[in-house]
N, C-alpha and C. Protein backbone atom coordinates (compact mmCIF):
# COMPACT_ATOMS: atom_id res chain seq x y z
N MET A 1 0.91 -1.28 -0.07
CA MET A 1 0.19 -0.25 -0.18
C MET A 1 0.88 1.48 0.11
N ASP A 2 0.50 2.39 -1.02
CA ASP A 2 1.30 3.30 -1.07
C ASP A 2 0.80 4.08 -0.10
N LEU A 3 1.71 5.25 0.17
CA LEU A 3 0.92 6.30 1.02
C LEU A 3 -0.36 6.91 0.73
N ALA A 4 -0.22 7.12 -0.53
CA ALA A 4 -1.79 8.05 -1.00
C ALA A 4 -2.48 7.10 -0.80
N GLN A 5 -2.81 5.92 -1.01
CA GLN A 5 -3.66 5.04 -0.63
C GLN A 5 -3.95 4.86 0.90
N LEU A 6 -3.09 4.87 1.66
CA LEU A 6 -3.17 4.75 3.12
C LEU A 6 -3.76 6.15 3.52
N ARG A 7 -3.28 7.69 3.38
CA ARG A 7 -3.69 8.61 3.33
C ARG A 7 -5.41 8.57 3.05
N HIS A 8 -5.81 7.80 2.23
CA HIS A 8 -7.08 8.00 1.60
C HIS A 8 -8.25 6.98 2.47
N VAL A 9 -7.41 6.13 2.75
CA VAL A 9 -8.39 5.18 3.76
C VAL A 9 -8.54 5.60 5.18
N ALA A 10 -7.44 6.17 5.52
CA ALA A 10 -7.24 6.65 6.79
C ALA A 10 -8.44 7.95 6.61
N SER A 11 -8.21 8.75 5.55
CA SER A 11 -9.34 9.89 5.62
C SER A 11 -10.66 9.24 5.62
N LEU A 12 -11.02 8.35 5.17
CA LEU A 12 -12.47 7.63 4.95
C LEU A 12 -12.60 6.95 6.52
N ALA A 13 -11.41 6.62 7.29
CA ALA A 13 -12.11 6.01 8.61
C ALA A 13 -11.72 7.08 9.67
N GLU A 14 -11.60 8.26 9.30
CA GLU A 14 -11.69 9.59 10.06
C GLU A 14 -10.44 9.16 10.88
N LEU A 15 -9.21 8.78 10.51
CA LEU A 15 -7.91 8.59 11.30
C LEU A 15 -7.23 9.76 11.26
N SER A 16 -6.30 10.29 12.22
CA SER A 16 -5.27 11.08 12.12
C SER A 16 -4.06 10.57 12.28
N LEU A 17 -3.19 10.44 11.44
CA LEU A 17 -1.75 10.01 11.38
C LEU A 17 -0.90 10.99 11.19
N SER A 18 0.07 10.60 11.95
CA SER A 18 1.48 11.80 11.93
C SER A 18 2.44 11.38 10.62
N PRO A 19 2.79 11.97 10.02
CA PRO A 19 3.92 11.42 8.94
C PRO A 19 4.83 10.50 9.45
N GLU A 20 5.06 10.40 11.01
CA GLU A 20 6.23 9.58 11.08
C GLU A 20 5.47 8.08 11.13
N GLU A 21 4.05 7.93 11.67
CA GLU A 21 3.49 6.75 11.72
C GLU A 21 3.17 6.41 10.08
N GLU A 22 2.99 6.85 9.22
CA GLU A 22 2.52 6.64 7.62
C GLU A 22 3.13 5.44 7.29
N PRO A 23 4.50 5.62 7.17
CA PRO A 23 5.37 4.80 6.33
C PRO A 23 5.11 3.32 6.83
N LYS A 24 5.12 3.45 8.42
CA LYS A 24 5.42 1.90 9.28
C LYS A 24 3.83 1.16 9.02
N LEU A 25 2.70 2.34 9.07
CA LEU A 25 1.14 1.63 8.95
C LEU A 25 1.16 1.41 7.63
N ALA A 26 1.42 1.72 6.45
CA ALA A 26 1.43 1.39 4.78
C ALA A 26 2.79 -0.06 5.15
N GLU A 27 3.43 -0.09 5.81
CA GLU A 27 4.11 -1.43 5.47
C GLU A 27 3.23 -2.46 6.35
N ASP A 28 2.99 -2.28 7.40
CA ASP A 28 2.15 -3.09 8.12
C ASP A 28 1.02 -3.81 7.35
N ILE A 29 0.40 -2.58 6.59
CA ILE A 29 -1.33 -2.98 5.88
C ILE A 29 -0.36 -4.05 4.72
N THR A 30 0.27 -3.65 4.19
CA THR A 30 0.97 -4.02 3.12
C THR A 30 1.31 -5.62 3.39
N ARG A 31 2.04 -5.83 4.50
CA ARG A 31 2.26 -7.55 5.03
C ARG A 31 0.84 -8.02 5.12
N ILE A 32 -0.12 -7.37 6.02
CA ILE A 32 -1.44 -8.19 5.97
C ILE A 32 -2.02 -8.44 4.83
N LEU A 33 -2.17 -7.46 3.86
CA LEU A 33 -2.66 -7.98 2.66
C LEU A 33 -2.18 -8.94 1.83
N ALA A 34 -0.81 -8.96 1.87
CA ALA A 34 -0.06 -10.13 1.20
C ALA A 34 -0.25 -11.39 1.89
N TYR A 35 -0.46 -11.31 3.13
CA TYR A 35 -0.87 -12.83 4.01
C TYR A 35 -2.20 -13.33 3.78
N VAL A 36 -3.23 -12.07 3.51
CA VAL A 36 -4.65 -12.36 3.14
C VAL A 36 -4.75 -12.89 1.63
N ALA A 37 -4.01 -12.61 0.91
CA ALA A 37 -3.38 -12.87 -0.46
C ALA A 37 -3.19 -14.37 -0.45
N GLU A 38 -2.26 -14.77 0.43
CA GLU A 38 -1.84 -16.20 0.63
C GLU A 38 -2.74 -17.45 0.86
N LEU A 39 -3.75 -16.36 1.87
CA LEU A 39 -4.88 -17.50 2.67
C LEU A 39 -6.17 -17.69 1.01
N GLU A 40 -6.17 -16.47 0.36
CA GLU A 40 -7.13 -16.70 -0.74
C GLU A 40 -6.63 -17.72 -1.89
N ALA A 41 -5.04 -18.17 -1.45
CA ALA A 41 -4.56 -19.32 -2.65
C ALA A 41 -5.46 -20.66 -1.89
N VAL A 42 -5.28 -21.03 -1.15
CA VAL A 42 -5.95 -22.02 -0.18
C VAL A 42 -6.99 -22.67 -0.75
N ASP A 43 -6.98 -23.69 -1.30
CA ASP A 43 -8.28 -24.34 -1.75
C ASP A 43 -9.13 -25.05 -0.53
N THR A 44 -9.81 -24.19 -0.29
CA THR A 44 -11.05 -24.66 0.53
C THR A 44 -12.31 -25.38 0.13
N ALA A 45 -12.53 -25.92 -1.20
CA ALA A 45 -13.69 -26.29 -1.70
C ALA A 45 -13.90 -27.57 -1.04
N ASP A 46 -13.02 -28.32 -0.29
CA ASP A 46 -13.87 -29.78 0.01
C ASP A 46 -14.08 -29.45 1.72
N VAL A 47 -13.94 -27.85 2.02
CA VAL A 47 -14.14 -27.80 3.65
C VAL A 47 -15.36 -27.52 4.14
N ALA A 48 -16.02 -27.82 5.09
CA ALA A 48 -17.41 -27.43 5.39
C ALA A 48 -17.42 -26.14 6.20
N PRO A 49 -18.33 -25.52 5.80
CA PRO A 49 -18.45 -24.28 7.00
C PRO A 49 -18.33 -24.31 8.03
N MET A 50 -18.29 -23.57 8.68
CA MET A 50 -18.11 -23.84 10.48
C MET A 50 -18.59 -22.42 11.20
N THR A 51 -19.28 -22.28 11.97
CA THR A 51 -19.68 -21.20 12.74
C THR A 51 -18.34 -21.26 13.89
N HIS A 52 -17.92 -22.12 14.36
CA HIS A 52 -17.25 -21.90 15.36
C HIS A 52 -16.14 -22.89 15.68
N SER A 53 -14.95 -22.36 16.11
CA SER A 53 -13.66 -23.30 15.90
C SER A 53 -13.53 -24.71 16.59
N VAL A 54 -14.57 -24.54 17.63
CA VAL A 54 -14.57 -26.15 18.37
C VAL A 54 -15.99 -26.68 17.80
N ALA A 55 -16.31 -27.77 17.16
CA ALA A 55 -17.50 -28.63 17.14
C ALA A 55 -17.87 -28.93 18.14
N ALA A 56 -18.77 -28.18 19.13
CA ALA A 56 -19.50 -29.04 20.27
C ALA A 56 -20.80 -28.26 20.27
N PRO A 57 -21.40 -29.01 20.53
CA PRO A 57 -23.40 -29.10 20.48
C PRO A 57 -23.50 -27.43 21.78
N LEU A 58 -24.41 -26.76 21.39
CA LEU A 58 -24.67 -25.37 22.05
C LEU A 58 -25.73 -25.91 23.08
N PRO A 59 -25.63 -25.80 24.50
CA PRO A 59 -26.25 -26.21 25.48
C PRO A 59 -27.63 -24.99 24.89
N LEU A 60 -28.85 -25.68 25.09
CA LEU A 60 -30.13 -25.15 24.77
C LEU A 60 -31.10 -25.03 25.89
N ARG A 61 -31.77 -24.21 25.99
CA ARG A 61 -32.99 -24.35 27.23
C ARG A 61 -34.24 -24.05 26.48
N GLU A 62 -34.97 -24.87 27.23
CA GLU A 62 -36.34 -24.42 26.61
C GLU A 62 -36.72 -22.91 26.72
N ASP A 63 -37.85 -22.83 25.97
CA ASP A 63 -38.56 -21.24 25.83
C ASP A 63 -39.44 -21.41 26.83
N ARG A 64 -39.45 -20.40 27.85
CA ARG A 64 -40.62 -20.61 28.92
C ARG A 64 -40.98 -18.80 28.89
N VAL A 65 -42.30 -18.84 28.85
CA VAL A 65 -42.87 -17.58 28.91
C VAL A 65 -43.28 -17.26 30.62
N ALA A 66 -42.51 -15.99 30.59
CA ALA A 66 -42.29 -15.51 32.09
C ALA A 66 -42.74 -14.09 32.18
N SER A 67 -43.63 -13.67 32.97
CA SER A 67 -44.05 -12.51 33.18
C SER A 67 -42.92 -11.41 33.01
N GLY A 68 -42.54 -10.37 32.43
CA GLY A 68 -41.95 -9.26 32.51
C GLY A 68 -42.24 -7.89 33.44
N LEU A 69 -41.48 -6.99 33.13
CA LEU A 69 -42.14 -5.75 33.90
C LEU A 69 -43.03 -5.00 33.15
N SER A 70 -43.74 -4.68 34.48
CA SER A 70 -44.72 -3.46 33.66
C SER A 70 -44.33 -2.30 33.10
N GLN A 71 -44.96 -1.09 32.22
CA GLN A 71 -43.99 -0.32 31.93
C GLN A 71 -44.14 0.59 32.80
N GLU A 72 -44.91 0.47 33.80
CA GLU A 72 -44.86 1.34 35.08
C GLU A 72 -43.54 1.13 35.84
N ASP A 73 -43.13 -0.20 36.15
CA ASP A 73 -41.88 -1.02 36.95
C ASP A 73 -40.90 -0.44 36.13
N ALA A 74 -40.97 -0.48 34.74
CA ALA A 74 -39.74 -0.14 33.58
C ALA A 74 -39.44 0.88 33.59
N LEU A 75 -40.40 1.98 33.70
CA LEU A 75 -39.99 3.40 33.93
C LEU A 75 -39.78 3.99 35.48
N ALA A 76 -39.87 3.49 36.57
CA ALA A 76 -39.93 3.81 37.49
C ALA A 76 -38.45 4.45 38.05
N GLY A 77 -37.53 3.82 37.63
CA GLY A 77 -36.14 4.42 38.04
C GLY A 77 -35.36 5.00 36.68
N ALA A 78 -36.43 5.20 35.78
CA ALA A 78 -35.73 6.48 34.78
C ALA A 78 -35.58 7.60 35.13
N PRO A 79 -34.46 8.28 34.54
CA PRO A 79 -34.41 10.04 35.17
C PRO A 79 -35.26 10.74 34.80
N GLU A 80 -35.96 10.27 33.06
CA GLU A 80 -36.78 11.06 32.97
C GLU A 80 -37.41 10.24 31.69
N THR A 81 -38.73 10.75 31.65
CA THR A 81 -39.67 9.80 30.94
C THR A 81 -40.75 10.88 30.18
N ASP A 82 -41.18 10.43 29.02
CA ASP A 82 -42.19 11.00 28.35
C ASP A 82 -43.20 10.33 27.53
N HIS A 83 -44.67 10.41 27.11
CA HIS A 83 -45.46 9.94 26.51
C HIS A 83 -45.09 8.17 26.46
N GLY A 84 -44.93 7.57 27.81
CA GLY A 84 -44.83 6.38 28.19
C GLY A 84 -43.52 5.70 27.93
N GLY A 85 -42.51 6.44 27.61
CA GLY A 85 -41.20 5.86 27.13
C GLY A 85 -40.03 6.79 28.06
N PHE A 86 -38.41 6.17 27.93
CA PHE A 86 -37.47 6.77 28.18
C PHE A 86 -37.25 8.00 27.45
N VAL A 87 -36.56 8.94 28.17
CA VAL A 87 -35.95 10.09 27.47
C VAL A 87 -34.35 9.95 27.45
N VAL A 88 -33.98 9.82 26.06
CA VAL A 88 -32.54 9.60 26.39
C VAL A 88 -31.67 10.94 25.51
N PRO A 89 -30.55 11.34 25.39
CA PRO A 89 -29.88 12.14 24.82
C PRO A 89 -29.68 12.18 23.27
N THR A 90 -30.06 12.84 22.37
CA THR A 90 -29.85 13.13 20.79
C THR A 90 -27.98 12.51 20.74
N PHE A 91 -28.30 11.43 20.11
CA PHE A 91 -26.62 11.38 19.61
C PHE A 91 -26.51 11.32 18.00
N VAL A 92 -27.23 11.47 17.33
CA VAL A 92 -27.09 11.51 16.06
C VAL A 92 -27.68 12.54 15.62
N GLY A 93 -26.86 14.00 14.93
CA GLY A 93 -27.19 14.72 14.74
C GLY A 93 -27.97 15.25 13.34
């Protein structure tokens, strides 16, 4: 990865890199991409997909209907409520 590509990716990721960090990071990313290219060359046609590295059954429990909190109880400890719901700070402008 050249420095122009690195700067472009850093800009997209909103990363601030110092001029001293750029060459080292470009080298690291180049090595990572080369390793990924090696992995892509491995023939996995006969390898079954897996969801976990250890093939063990997941412990399951029976679904049971249970009573939950009433709306009043759920809102009882809230610092602020409005129209029967929680009031939270705006975080998306």
